[in-house]
Amino acid sequence: MQLYLKDKYNLDYRLMPSIAMQESNGGKRVIKNSNNPFGYGIYGSLVLKFNSWEEGIERVGKGLREDYLNEGLTSPYAIMTKYTPSSVAKGNAWAKGVSSFMEELQ
C-alpha cells in the first residue's frame, strides 16, 4: 500500500508510517472502530473514522498530498503547523517524533 501511495500521490514512503507511529504507536492506540492510526481529523471529541484500514490510508495519503504537500508543507516541521499546531508551542514534539521515525526507516 505504501508503494502504491508513493506512486499515486508522490509521498515519501516513510511519512505515513511515521505519522502513525507518532499518533498511535503504529496503530496500537487507535480510537475504537476508527481505522485511523494517523490522528487525522481528530480534534477533541471530533473523530474522523474510516470504514477500513485501506480507506483510511487512501484518504490520509490523498489529504497529505492535496492539503499539505501541494501547499508547500513538505517537512514534518512544516506539516505540523497545520496538522497539529498546538505541538508548535510544546517544543515541536510532534515533528521531532515524526522526523525521528522517518530517520529510522531509511
PDB file of N, CA and C in Angstrom:
ATOM      1  N   MET A   1       0.831  -1.201   0.000  1.00  0.00           N
ATOM      2  CA  MET A   1       0.000   0.000   0.000  1.00  0.00           C
ATOM      3  C   MET A   1       0.869   1.256   0.000  1.00  0.00           C
ATOM      4  N   GLN A   2       1.953   1.242   0.756  1.00  0.00           N
ATOM      5  CA  GLN A   2       2.800   2.431   0.815  1.00  0.00           C
ATOM      6  C   GLN A   2       3.430   2.747  -0.532  1.00  0.00           C
ATOM      7  N   LEU A   3       3.883   1.720  -1.256  1.00  0.00           N
ATOM      8  CA  LEU A   3       4.467   1.986  -2.570  1.00  0.00           C
ATOM      9  C   LEU A   3       3.409   2.511  -3.522  1.00  0.00           C
ATOM     10  N   TYR A   4       2.197   1.999  -3.407  1.00  0.00           N
ATOM     11  CA  TYR A   4       1.083   2.487  -4.215  1.00  0.00           C
ATOM     12  C   TYR A   4       0.869   3.977  -3.959  1.00  0.00           C
ATOM     13  N   LEU A   5       0.839   4.373  -2.691  1.00  0.00           N
ATOM     14  CA  LEU A   5       0.624   5.779  -2.355  1.00  0.00           C
ATOM     15  C   LEU A   5       1.810   6.631  -2.774  1.00  0.00           C
ATOM     16  N   LYS A   6       3.014   6.073  -2.680  1.00  0.00           N
ATOM     17  CA  LYS A   6       4.191   6.805  -3.131  1.00  0.00           C
ATOM     18  C   LYS A   6       4.043   7.128  -4.613  1.00  0.00           C
ATOM     19  N   ASP A   7       3.610   6.153  -5.386  1.00  0.00           N
ATOM     20  CA  ASP A   7       3.429   6.367  -6.823  1.00  0.00           C
ATOM     21  C   ASP A   7       2.229   7.260  -7.117  1.00  0.00           C
ATOM     22  N   LYS A   8       1.109   7.015  -6.441  1.00  0.00           N
ATOM     23  CA  LYS A   8      -0.121   7.761  -6.725  1.00  0.00           C
ATOM     24  C   LYS A   8      -0.048   9.213  -6.262  1.00  0.00           C
ATOM     25  N   TYR A   9       0.476   9.446  -5.076  1.00  0.00           N
ATOM     26  CA  TYR A   9       0.479  10.791  -4.502  1.00  0.00           C
ATOM     27  C   TYR A   9       1.877  11.380  -4.343  1.00  0.00           C
ATOM     28  N   ASN A  10       2.884  10.663  -4.770  1.00  0.00           N
ATOM     29  CA  ASN A  10       4.268  11.112  -4.675  1.00  0.00           C
ATOM     30  C   ASN A  10       4.621  11.496  -3.232  1.00  0.00           C
ATOM     31  N   LEU A  11       4.348  10.571  -2.317  1.00  0.00           N
ATOM     32  CA  LEU A  11       4.657  10.766  -0.906  1.00  0.00           C
ATOM     33  C   LEU A  11       5.952  10.045  -0.559  1.00  0.00           C
ATOM     34  N   ASP A  12       6.711  10.611   0.341  1.00  0.00           N
ATOM     35  CA  ASP A  12       7.848   9.900   0.910  1.00  0.00           C
ATOM     36  C   ASP A  12       7.279   8.653   1.593  1.00  0.00           C
ATOM     37  N   TYR A  13       7.797   7.488   1.255  1.00  0.00           N
ATOM     38  CA  TYR A  13       7.262   6.228   1.775  1.00  0.00           C
ATOM     39  C   TYR A  13       7.325   6.136   3.300  1.00  0.00           C
ATOM     40  N   ARG A  14       8.125   6.972   3.923  1.00  0.00           N
ATOM     41  CA  ARG A  14       8.291   6.927   5.375  1.00  0.00           C
ATOM     42  C   ARG A  14       7.291   7.817   6.117  1.00  0.00           C
ATOM     43  N   LEU A  15       6.655   8.746   5.409  1.00  0.00           N
ATOM     44  CA  LEU A  15       5.842   9.762   6.081  1.00  0.00           C
ATOM     45  C   LEU A  15       4.642   9.176   6.821  1.00  0.00           C
ATOM     46  N   MET A  16       3.803   8.437   6.139  1.00  0.00           N
ATOM     47  CA  MET A  16       2.590   7.939   6.794  1.00  0.00           C
ATOM     48  C   MET A  16       2.870   6.953   7.926  1.00  0.00           C
ATOM     49  N   PRO A  17       3.793   5.999   7.748  1.00  0.00           N
ATOM     50  CA  PRO A  17       4.087   5.128   8.894  1.00  0.00           C
ATOM     51  C   PRO A  17       4.646   5.909  10.082  1.00  0.00           C
ATOM     52  N   SER A  18       5.422   6.939   9.806  1.00  0.00           N
ATOM     53  CA  SER A  18       6.000   7.746  10.882  1.00  0.00           C
ATOM     54  C   SER A  18       4.932   8.551  11.599  1.00  0.00           C
ATOM     55  N   ILE A  19       3.977   9.087  10.856  1.00  0.00           N
ATOM     56  CA  ILE A  19       2.859   9.795  11.497  1.00  0.00           C
ATOM     57  C   ILE A  19       2.056   8.814  12.345  1.00  0.00           C
ATOM     58  N   ALA A  20       1.816   7.610  11.824  1.00  0.00           N
ATOM     59  CA  ALA A  20       1.066   6.603  12.586  1.00  0.00           C
ATOM     60  C   ALA A  20       1.812   6.207  13.861  1.00  0.00           C
ATOM     61  N   MET A  21       3.130   6.119  13.779  1.00  0.00           N
ATOM     62  CA  MET A  21       3.904   5.806  14.981  1.00  0.00           C
ATOM     63  C   MET A  21       3.776   6.926  16.009  1.00  0.00           C
ATOM     64  N   GLN A  22       3.862   8.157  15.557  1.00  0.00           N
ATOM     65  CA  GLN A  22       3.771   9.298  16.470  1.00  0.00           C
ATOM     66  C   GLN A  22       2.378   9.418  17.073  1.00  0.00           C
ATOM     67  N   GLU A  23       1.368   9.211  16.266  1.00  0.00           N
ATOM     68  CA  GLU A  23      -0.012   9.433  16.716  1.00  0.00           C
ATOM     69  C   GLU A  23      -0.605   8.277  17.520  1.00  0.00           C
ATOM     70  N   SER A  24      -0.252   7.037  17.155  1.00  0.00           N
ATOM     71  CA  SER A  24      -0.957   5.906  17.773  1.00  0.00           C
ATOM     72  C   SER A  24      -0.066   4.702  18.054  1.00  0.00           C
ATOM     73  N   ASN A  25       1.236   4.947  18.142  1.00  0.00           N
ATOM     74  CA  ASN A  25       2.173   3.840  18.349  1.00  0.00           C
ATOM     75  C   ASN A  25       1.990   2.776  17.262  1.00  0.00           C
ATOM     76  N   GLY A  26       1.878   3.269  16.033  1.00  0.00           N
ATOM     77  CA  GLY A  26       1.756   2.366  14.886  1.00  0.00           C
ATOM     78  C   GLY A  26       0.439   1.636  14.817  1.00  0.00           C
ATOM     79  N   GLY A  27      -0.612   2.255  15.315  1.00  0.00           N
ATOM     80  CA  GLY A  27      -1.939   1.651  15.272  1.00  0.00           C
ATOM     81  C   GLY A  27      -2.307   0.869  16.525  1.00  0.00           C
ATOM     82  N   LYS A  28      -1.448   0.876  17.523  1.00  0.00           N
ATOM     83  CA  LYS A  28      -1.733   0.147  18.758  1.00  0.00           C
ATOM     84  C   LYS A  28      -2.732   0.883  19.652  1.00  0.00           C
ATOM     85  N   ARG A  29      -2.773   2.205  19.534  1.00  0.00           N
ATOM     86  CA  ARG A  29      -3.691   3.011  20.351  1.00  0.00           C
ATOM     87  C   ARG A  29      -4.578   3.832  19.418  1.00  0.00           C
ATOM     88  N   VAL A  30      -5.579   3.185  18.876  1.00  0.00           N
ATOM     89  CA  VAL A  30      -6.482   3.808  17.914  1.00  0.00           C
ATOM     90  C   VAL A  30      -7.875   3.897  18.533  1.00  0.00           C
ATOM     91  N   ILE A  31      -8.554   4.989  18.269  1.00  0.00           N
ATOM     92  CA  ILE A  31      -9.942   5.119  18.730  1.00  0.00           C
ATOM     93  C   ILE A  31     -10.752   3.977  18.133  1.00  0.00           C
ATOM     94  N   LYS A  32     -11.519   3.319  18.955  1.00  0.00           N
ATOM     95  CA  LYS A  32     -12.271   2.124  18.553  1.00  0.00           C
ATOM     96  C   LYS A  32     -13.072   2.363  17.271  1.00  0.00           C
ATOM     97  N   ASN A  33     -12.930   1.434  16.357  1.00  0.00           N
ATOM     98  CA  ASN A  33     -13.649   1.422  15.073  1.00  0.00           C
ATOM     99  C   ASN A  33     -13.362   2.633  14.196  1.00  0.00           C
ATOM    100  N   SER A  34     -12.237   3.288  14.402  1.00  0.00           N
ATOM    101  CA  SER A  34     -11.930   4.466  13.582  1.00  0.00           C
ATOM    102  C   SER A  34     -11.081   4.127  12.363  1.00  0.00           C
ATOM    103  N   ASN A  35     -10.298   3.058  12.433  1.00  0.00           N
ATOM    104  CA  ASN A  35      -9.362   2.722  11.351  1.00  0.00           C
ATOM    105  C   ASN A  35      -8.518   3.938  10.984  1.00  0.00           C
ATOM    106  N   ASN A  36      -8.131   4.692  12.005  1.00  0.00           N
ATOM    107  CA  ASN A  36      -7.407   5.945  11.801  1.00  0.00           C
ATOM    108  C   ASN A  36      -6.210   6.031  12.758  1.00  0.00           C
ATOM    109  N   PRO A  37      -5.094   5.378  12.393  1.00  0.00           N
ATOM    110  CA  PRO A  37      -3.922   5.442  13.256  1.00  0.00           C
ATOM    111  C   PRO A  37      -3.126   6.731  13.094  1.00  0.00           C
ATOM    112  N   PHE A  38      -3.596   7.615  12.225  1.00  0.00           N
ATOM    113  CA  PHE A  38      -2.847   8.834  11.888  1.00  0.00           C
ATOM    114  C   PHE A  38      -3.263  10.057  12.695  1.00  0.00           C
ATOM    115  N   GLY A  39      -4.303   9.949  13.497  1.00  0.00           N
ATOM    116  CA  GLY A  39      -4.799  11.112  14.219  1.00  0.00           C
ATOM    117  C   GLY A  39      -5.368  12.159  13.278  1.00  0.00           C
ATOM    118  N   TYR A  40      -5.628  11.769  12.058  1.00  0.00           N
ATOM    119  CA  TYR A  40      -6.077  12.682  11.006  1.00  0.00           C
ATOM    120  C   TYR A  40      -7.549  13.026  11.213  1.00  0.00           C
ATOM    121  N   GLY A  41      -7.840  14.315  11.323  1.00  0.00           N
ATOM    122  CA  GLY A  41      -9.226  14.735  11.509  1.00  0.00           C
ATOM    123  C   GLY A  41      -9.755  14.445  12.905  1.00  0.00           C
ATOM    124  N   ILE A  42      -8.860  14.299  13.861  1.00  0.00           N
ATOM    125  CA  ILE A  42      -9.273  14.054  15.240  1.00  0.00           C
ATOM    126  C   ILE A  42      -8.924  15.293  16.056  1.00  0.00           C
ATOM    127  N   TYR A  43      -9.952  15.948  16.549  1.00  0.00           N
ATOM    128  CA  TYR A  43      -9.797  17.181  17.341  1.00  0.00           C
ATOM    129  C   TYR A  43     -10.732  17.074  18.532  1.00  0.00           C
ATOM    130  N   GLY A  44     -10.191  16.826  19.687  1.00  0.00           N
ATOM    131  CA  GLY A  44     -11.037  16.706  20.871  1.00  0.00           C
ATOM    132  C   GLY A  44     -12.044  15.587  20.703  1.00  0.00           C
ATOM    133  N   SER A  45     -13.326  15.934  20.719  1.00  0.00           N
ATOM    134  CA  SER A  45     -14.370  14.908  20.587  1.00  0.00           C
ATOM    135  C   SER A  45     -14.717  14.604  19.126  1.00  0.00           C
ATOM    136  N   LEU A  46     -14.199  15.360  18.189  1.00  0.00           N
ATOM    137  CA  LEU A  46     -14.420  15.101  16.761  1.00  0.00           C
ATOM    138  C   LEU A  46     -13.462  14.002  16.303  1.00  0.00           C
ATOM    139  N   VAL A  47     -14.003  12.937  15.740  1.00  0.00           N
ATOM    140  CA  VAL A  47     -13.180  11.810  15.307  1.00  0.00           C
ATOM    141  C   VAL A  47     -13.554  11.440  13.880  1.00  0.00           C
ATOM    142  N   LEU A  48     -12.612  11.574  12.978  1.00  0.00           N
ATOM    143  CA  LEU A  48     -12.806  11.139  11.600  1.00  0.00           C
ATOM    144  C   LEU A  48     -12.560   9.639  11.553  1.00  0.00           C
ATOM    145  N   LYS A  49     -13.587   8.891  11.152  1.00  0.00           N
ATOM    146  CA  LYS A  49     -13.494   7.432  11.088  1.00  0.00           C
ATOM    147  C   LYS A  49     -13.558   6.975   9.640  1.00  0.00           C
ATOM    148  N   PHE A  50     -12.916   5.848   9.375  1.00  0.00           N
ATOM    149  CA  PHE A  50     -12.909   5.245   8.055  1.00  0.00           C
ATOM    150  C   PHE A  50     -13.496   3.840   8.155  1.00  0.00           C
ATOM    151  N   ASN A  51     -14.055   3.358   7.071  1.00  0.00           N
ATOM    152  CA  ASN A  51     -14.688   2.037   7.059  1.00  0.00           C
ATOM    153  C   ASN A  51     -13.684   0.893   7.094  1.00  0.00           C
ATOM    154  N   SER A  52     -12.449   1.159   6.701  1.00  0.00           N
ATOM    155  CA  SER A  52     -11.413   0.124   6.687  1.00  0.00           C
ATOM    156  C   SER A  52     -10.050   0.792   6.825  1.00  0.00           C
ATOM    157  N   TRP A  53      -9.028  -0.020   7.105  1.00  0.00           N
ATOM    158  CA  TRP A  53      -7.662   0.495   7.150  1.00  0.00           C
ATOM    159  C   TRP A  53      -7.274   1.033   5.784  1.00  0.00           C
ATOM    160  N   GLU A  54      -7.665   0.313   4.739  1.00  0.00           N
ATOM    161  CA  GLU A  54      -7.323   0.741   3.381  1.00  0.00           C
ATOM    162  C   GLU A  54      -7.927   2.094   3.048  1.00  0.00           C
ATOM    163  N   GLU A  55      -9.188   2.290   3.438  1.00  0.00           N
ATOM    164  CA  GLU A  55      -9.830   3.582   3.184  1.00  0.00           C
ATOM    165  C   GLU A  55      -9.112   4.695   3.948  1.00  0.00           C
ATOM    166  N   GLY A  56      -8.727   4.427   5.183  1.00  0.00           N
ATOM    167  CA  GLY A  56      -8.001   5.419   5.978  1.00  0.00           C
ATOM    168  C   GLY A  56      -6.664   5.778   5.354  1.00  0.00           C
ATOM    169  N   ILE A  57      -5.934   4.775   4.922  1.00  0.00           N
ATOM    170  CA  ILE A  57      -4.640   5.011   4.293  1.00  0.00           C
ATOM    171  C   ILE A  57      -4.807   5.828   3.019  1.00  0.00           C
ATOM    172  N   GLU A  58      -5.770   5.457   2.208  1.00  0.00           N
ATOM    173  CA  GLU A  58      -6.018   6.175   0.954  1.00  0.00           C
ATOM    174  C   GLU A  58      -6.418   7.628   1.219  1.00  0.00           C
ATOM    175  N   ARG A  59      -7.347   7.837   2.123  1.00  0.00           N
ATOM    176  CA  ARG A  59      -7.851   9.188   2.394  1.00  0.00           C
ATOM    177  C   ARG A  59      -6.774  10.088   2.997  1.00  0.00           C
ATOM    178  N   VAL A  60      -5.996   9.550   3.908  1.00  0.00           N
ATOM    179  CA  VAL A  60      -4.948  10.345   4.539  1.00  0.00           C
ATOM    180  C   VAL A  60      -3.826  10.620   3.538  1.00  0.00           C
ATOM    181  N   GLY A  61      -3.488   9.643   2.720  1.00  0.00           N
ATOM    182  CA  GLY A  61      -2.477   9.866   1.684  1.00  0.00           C
ATOM    183  C   GLY A  61      -2.885  10.971   0.733  1.00  0.00           C
ATOM    184  N   LYS A  62      -4.117  10.917   0.295  1.00  0.00           N
ATOM    185  CA  LYS A  62      -4.644  11.958  -0.596  1.00  0.00           C
ATOM    186  C   LYS A  62      -4.667  13.310   0.116  1.00  0.00           C
ATOM    187  N   GLY A  63      -5.104  13.323   1.363  1.00  0.00           N
ATOM    188  CA  GLY A  63      -5.166  14.562   2.130  1.00  0.00           C
ATOM    189  C   GLY A  63      -3.792  15.178   2.359  1.00  0.00           C
ATOM    190  N   LEU A  64      -2.810  14.336   2.651  1.00  0.00           N
ATOM    191  CA  LEU A  64      -1.457  14.853   2.836  1.00  0.00           C
ATOM    192  C   LEU A  64      -0.949  15.502   1.558  1.00  0.00           C
ATOM    193  N   ARG A  65      -1.195  14.864   0.431  1.00  0.00           N
ATOM    194  CA  ARG A  65      -0.741  15.426  -0.853  1.00  0.00           C
ATOM    195  C   ARG A  65      -1.452  16.750  -1.135  1.00  0.00           C
ATOM    196  N   GLU A  66      -2.788  16.735  -1.089  1.00  0.00           N
ATOM    197  CA  GLU A  66      -3.567  17.902  -1.520  1.00  0.00           C
ATOM    198  C   GLU A  66      -3.550  19.055  -0.522  1.00  0.00           C
ATOM    199  N   ASP A  67      -3.617  18.749   0.757  1.00  0.00           N
ATOM    200  CA  ASP A  67      -3.787  19.794   1.768  1.00  0.00           C
ATOM    201  C   ASP A  67      -2.496  20.218   2.470  1.00  0.00           C
ATOM    202  N   TYR A  68      -1.423  19.485   2.234  1.00  0.00           N
ATOM    203  CA  TYR A  68      -0.162  19.794   2.896  1.00  0.00           C
ATOM    204  C   TYR A  68       0.957  19.970   1.878  1.00  0.00           C
ATOM    205  N   LEU A  69       1.351  18.892   1.221  1.00  0.00           N
ATOM    206  CA  LEU A  69       2.491  18.971   0.311  1.00  0.00           C
ATOM    207  C   LEU A  69       2.240  19.935  -0.844  1.00  0.00           C
ATOM    208  N   ASN A  70       1.054  19.909  -1.432  1.00  0.00           N
ATOM    209  CA  ASN A  70       0.750  20.845  -2.521  1.00  0.00           C
ATOM    210  C   ASN A  70       0.731  22.295  -2.049  1.00  0.00           C
ATOM    211  N   GLU A  71       0.588  22.496  -0.752  1.00  0.00           N
ATOM    212  CA  GLU A  71       0.587  23.841  -0.172  1.00  0.00           C
ATOM    213  C   GLU A  71       1.989  24.249   0.291  1.00  0.00           C
ATOM    214  N   GLY A  72       2.988  23.421  -0.012  1.00  0.00           N
ATOM    215  CA  GLY A  72       4.365  23.740   0.356  1.00  0.00           C
ATOM    216  C   GLY A  72       4.782  23.236   1.722  1.00  0.00           C
ATOM    217  N   LEU A  73       3.900  22.522   2.406  1.00  0.00           N
ATOM    218  CA  LEU A  73       4.218  21.977   3.729  1.00  0.00           C
ATOM    219  C   LEU A  73       4.788  20.579   3.530  1.00  0.00           C
ATOM    220  N   THR A  74       6.095  20.505   3.333  1.00  0.00           N
ATOM    221  CA  THR A  74       6.695  19.247   2.912  1.00  0.00           C
ATOM    222  C   THR A  74       7.518  18.538   3.979  1.00  0.00           C
ATOM    223  N   SER A  75       7.966  19.226   4.999  1.00  0.00           N
ATOM    224  CA  SER A  75       8.739  18.585   6.068  1.00  0.00           C
ATOM    225  C   SER A  75       7.818  18.340   7.263  1.00  0.00           C
ATOM    226  N   PRO A  76       8.192  17.416   8.142  1.00  0.00           N
ATOM    227  CA  PRO A  76       7.369  17.223   9.342  1.00  0.00           C
ATOM    228  C   PRO A  76       7.153  18.521  10.131  1.00  0.00           C
ATOM    229  N   TYR A  77       8.162  19.394  10.171  1.00  0.00           N
ATOM    230  CA  TYR A  77       8.015  20.657  10.906  1.00  0.00           C
ATOM    231  C   TYR A  77       6.987  21.570  10.242  1.00  0.00           C
ATOM    232  N   ALA A  78       6.989  21.628   8.926  1.00  0.00           N
ATOM    233  CA  ALA A  78       6.004  22.447   8.209  1.00  0.00           C
ATOM    234  C   ALA A  78       4.620  21.818   8.292  1.00  0.00           C
ATOM    235  N   ILE A  79       4.530  20.504   8.127  1.00  0.00           N
ATOM    236  CA  ILE A  79       3.242  19.799   8.202  1.00  0.00           C
ATOM    237  C   ILE A  79       2.618  20.018   9.573  1.00  0.00           C
ATOM    238  N   MET A  80       3.425  19.967  10.615  1.00  0.00           N
ATOM    239  CA  MET A  80       2.948  20.113  11.989  1.00  0.00           C
ATOM    240  C   MET A  80       2.172  21.418  12.192  1.00  0.00           C
ATOM    241  N   THR A  81       2.575  22.495  11.536  1.00  0.00           N
ATOM    242  CA  THR A  81       1.932  23.792  11.762  1.00  0.00           C
ATOM    243  C   THR A  81       0.454  23.772  11.397  1.00  0.00           C
ATOM    244  N   LYS A  82       0.053  22.859  10.533  1.00  0.00           N
ATOM    245  CA  LYS A  82      -1.355  22.732  10.144  1.00  0.00           C
ATOM    246  C   LYS A  82      -1.986  21.462  10.722  1.00  0.00           C
ATOM    247  N   TYR A  83      -1.234  20.369  10.765  1.00  0.00           N
ATOM    248  CA  TYR A  83      -1.726  19.059  11.200  1.00  0.00           C
ATOM    249  C   TYR A  83      -2.016  19.049  12.695  1.00  0.00           C
ATOM    250  N   THR A  84      -1.096  19.613  13.444  1.00  0.00           N
ATOM    251  CA  THR A  84      -1.228  19.654  14.902  1.00  0.00           C
ATOM    252  C   THR A  84      -0.553  20.911  15.435  1.00  0.00           C
ATOM    253  N   PRO A  85      -1.146  22.083  15.163  1.00  0.00           N
ATOM    254  CA  PRO A  85      -0.496  23.351  15.508  1.00  0.00           C
ATOM    255  C   PRO A  85      -0.195  23.522  16.993  1.00  0.00           C
ATOM    256  N   SER A  86      -0.935  22.869  17.854  1.00  0.00           N
ATOM    257  CA  SER A  86      -0.659  23.014  19.291  1.00  0.00           C
ATOM    258  C   SER A  86       0.706  22.443  19.660  1.00  0.00           C
ATOM    259  N   SER A  87       1.243  21.567  18.828  1.00  0.00           N
ATOM    260  CA  SER A  87       2.543  20.977  19.105  1.00  0.00           C
ATOM    261  C   SER A  87       3.690  21.977  18.940  1.00  0.00           C
ATOM    262  N   VAL A  88       3.459  23.024  18.180  1.00  0.00           N
ATOM    263  CA  VAL A  88       4.497  24.043  17.994  1.00  0.00           C
ATOM    264  C   VAL A  88       4.847  24.658  19.349  1.00  0.00           C
ATOM    265  N   ALA A  89       3.825  24.984  20.132  1.00  0.00           N
ATOM    266  CA  ALA A  89       4.039  25.590  21.441  1.00  0.00           C
ATOM    267  C   ALA A  89       4.624  24.599  22.448  1.00  0.00           C
ATOM    268  N   LYS A  90       4.580  23.320  22.109  1.00  0.00           N
ATOM    269  CA  LYS A  90       5.108  22.282  23.001  1.00  0.00           C
ATOM    270  C   LYS A  90       6.500  21.838  22.573  1.00  0.00           C
ATOM    271  N   GLY A  91       7.234  22.741  21.934  1.00  0.00           N
ATOM    272  CA  GLY A  91       8.607  22.450  21.563  1.00  0.00           C
ATOM    273  C   GLY A  91       8.748  21.587  20.324  1.00  0.00           C
ATOM    274  N   ASN A  92       7.729  21.600  19.475  1.00  0.00           N
ATOM    275  CA  ASN A  92       7.773  20.848  18.215  1.00  0.00           C
ATOM    276  C   ASN A  92       7.855  19.339  18.419  1.00  0.00           C
ATOM    277  N   ALA A  93       7.278  18.848  19.495  1.00  0.00           N
ATOM    278  CA  ALA A  93       7.387  17.427  19.836  1.00  0.00           C
ATOM    279  C   ALA A  93       6.881  16.524  18.715  1.00  0.00           C
ATOM    280  N   TRP A  94       5.772  16.889  18.089  1.00  0.00           N
ATOM    281  CA  TRP A  94       5.204  16.048  17.025  1.00  0.00           C
ATOM    282  C   TRP A  94       6.189  15.909  15.870  1.00  0.00           C
ATOM    283  N   ALA A  95       6.705  17.015  15.396  1.00  0.00           N
ATOM    284  CA  ALA A  95       7.638  16.975  14.257  1.00  0.00           C
ATOM    285  C   ALA A  95       8.928  16.261  14.628  1.00  0.00           C
ATOM    286  N   LYS A  96       9.391  16.448  15.838  1.00  0.00           N
ATOM    287  CA  LYS A  96      10.599  15.745  16.273  1.00  0.00           C
ATOM    288  C   LYS A  96      10.369  14.239  16.263  1.00  0.00           C
ATOM    289  N   GLY A  97       9.208  13.815  16.745  1.00  0.00           N
ATOM    290  CA  GLY A  97       8.883  12.391  16.763  1.00  0.00           C
ATOM    291  C   GLY A  97       8.754  11.823  15.362  1.00  0.00           C
ATOM    292  N   VAL A  98       7.997  12.496  14.500  1.00  0.00           N
ATOM    293  CA  VAL A  98       7.823  12.024  13.123  1.00  0.00           C
ATOM    294  C   VAL A  98       9.175  11.980  12.414  1.00  0.00           C
ATOM    295  N   SER A  99       9.983  13.000  12.583  1.00  0.00           N
ATOM    296  CA  SER A  99      11.308  13.031  11.955  1.00  0.00           C
ATOM    297  C   SER A  99      12.176  11.883  12.435  1.00  0.00           C
ATOM    298  N   SER A 100      12.118  11.598  13.721  1.00  0.00           N
ATOM    299  CA  SER A 100      12.905  10.505  14.285  1.00  0.00           C
ATOM    300  C   SER A 100      12.483   9.164  13.689  1.00  0.00           C
ATOM    301  N   PHE A 101      11.177   8.943  13.588  1.00  0.00           N
ATOM    302  CA  PHE A 101      10.704   7.693  12.987  1.00  0.00           C
ATOM    303  C   PHE A 101      11.111   7.605  11.520  1.00  0.00           C
ATOM    304  N   MET A 102      11.039   8.727  10.818  1.00  0.00           N
ATOM    305  CA  MET A 102      11.451   8.732   9.398  1.00  0.00           C
ATOM    306  C   MET A 102      12.919   8.374   9.255  1.00  0.00           C
ATOM    307  N   GLU A 103      13.750   8.890  10.141  1.00  0.00           N
ATOM    308  CA  GLU A 103      15.177   8.570  10.092  1.00  0.00           C
ATOM    309  C   GLU A 103      15.418   7.073  10.320  1.00  0.00           C
ATOM    310  N   GLU A 104      14.639   6.477  11.219  1.00  0.00           N
ATOM    311  CA  GLU A 104      14.779   5.049  11.485  1.00  0.00           C
ATOM    312  C   GLU A 104      14.403   4.197  10.282  1.00  0.00           C
ATOM    313  N   LEU A 105      13.544   4.702   9.423  1.00  0.00           N
ATOM    314  CA  LEU A 105      13.067   3.938   8.263  1.00  0.00           C
ATOM    315  C   LEU A 105      13.961   4.094   7.037  1.00  0.00           C
ATOM    316  N   GLN A 106      15.034   4.819   7.137  1.00  0.00           N
ATOM    317  CA  GLN A 106      15.925   4.989   5.981  1.00  0.00           C
ATOM    318  C   GLN A 106      16.639   3.715   5.640  1.00  0.00           C
TER     319      GLN A 106
END
